[in-house]
Amino acid sequence: MSDDEIQELESQFPAVSGVAFAEARKRVLASGQSVMQSQDGVLYEVFPDGRQIVVKNIEPPIVVEPGTVFHLR
């Protein structure tokens, strides 16, 4: 596989993974189970009937520029 082919596959990953996660969420809710969802620094448990229960406050997401390197301690 060439570098260009690998790059093309990598560029498709965000869209494909987003569709996969949305479908998985839909299947879980359809089976009667709840899912966890974060929004605006809050973690919620979401139920099939649409109810949301606050689980806890969390750190809001950070925007990361492509190519950013993180060093873990």
Protein backbone atom coordinates (compact mmCIF):
# COMPACT_ATOMS: atom_id res chain seq x y z
CA MET A 1 0.00 0.00 0.00
CA SER A 2 1.43 3.38 -0.99
CA ASP A 3 1.72 6.43 1.26
CA ASP A 4 -0.95 8.17 -0.85
CA GLU A 5 -3.36 5.26 -0.37
CA ILE A 6 -2.75 5.26 3.37
CA GLN A 7 -3.28 9.03 3.51
CA GLU A 8 -6.56 8.67 1.60
CA LEU A 9 -7.83 6.01 4.04
CA GLU A 10 -6.78 8.11 7.04
CA SER A 11 -8.64 11.14 5.66
CA GLN A 12 -11.87 9.10 5.50
CA PHE A 13 -11.63 7.88 9.10
CA PRO A 14 -13.39 10.80 10.90
CA ALA A 15 -16.51 10.61 8.72
CA VAL A 16 -16.70 6.81 8.75
CA SER A 17 -16.17 6.58 12.51
CA GLY A 18 -18.82 9.24 13.13
CA VAL A 19 -21.37 7.21 11.17
CA ALA A 20 -20.39 4.02 13.03
CA PHE A 21 -20.77 5.68 16.45
CA ALA A 22 -24.14 7.20 15.53
CA GLU A 23 -25.44 3.82 14.38
CA ALA A 24 -24.14 2.08 17.50
CA ARG A 25 -25.81 4.71 19.72
CA LYS A 26 -29.08 4.24 17.84
CA ARG A 27 -28.92 0.43 18.25
CA VAL A 28 -28.20 0.66 21.98
CA LEU A 29 -31.10 3.05 22.59
CA ALA A 30 -33.41 0.87 20.44
CA SER A 31 -32.52 -2.12 22.64
CA GLY A 32 -33.80 -0.26 25.72
CA GLN A 33 -30.43 0.58 27.22
CA SER A 34 -29.00 3.98 28.08
CA VAL A 35 -25.91 5.69 26.67
CA MET A 36 -23.45 8.18 28.13
CA GLN A 37 -23.11 11.53 26.37
CA SER A 38 -21.01 14.59 27.08
CA GLN A 39 -22.11 18.09 26.19
CA ASP A 40 -20.78 21.48 27.28
CA GLY A 41 -18.67 20.06 30.09
CA VAL A 42 -21.42 17.83 31.51
CA LEU A 43 -21.66 14.02 31.35
CA TYR A 44 -25.24 12.76 30.90
CA GLU A 45 -26.89 9.37 30.96
CA VAL A 46 -29.40 9.42 28.09
CA PHE A 47 -32.35 7.01 28.07
CA PRO A 48 -34.37 5.65 25.12
CA ASP A 49 -37.34 7.90 26.05
CA GLY A 50 -35.10 10.99 25.74
CA ARG A 51 -34.63 11.63 29.47
CA GLN A 52 -31.18 12.88 30.47
CA ILE A 53 -29.70 12.57 33.93
CA VAL A 54 -26.62 14.58 34.88
CA VAL A 55 -23.88 12.18 35.99
CA LYS A 56 -21.16 14.75 36.68
CA ASN A 57 -19.38 17.84 35.43
CA ILE A 58 -16.29 17.16 33.35
CA GLU A 59 -13.55 19.20 31.73
CA PRO A 60 -14.74 20.66 28.43
CA PRO A 61 -13.11 19.25 25.29
CA ILE A 62 -10.02 20.95 23.91
CA VAL A 63 -9.45 21.83 20.28
CA VAL A 64 -6.35 20.11 18.94
CA GLU A 65 -4.65 21.21 15.74
CA PRO A 66 -3.64 18.37 13.39
CA GLY A 67 -0.01 17.41 13.93
CA THR A 68 0.06 18.50 17.57
CA VAL A 69 2.36 16.34 19.70
CA PHE A 70 1.49 15.61 23.32
CA HIS A 71 4.02 14.33 25.81
CA LEU A 72 2.50 12.24 28.60
CA ARG A 73 4.08 12.24 32.01
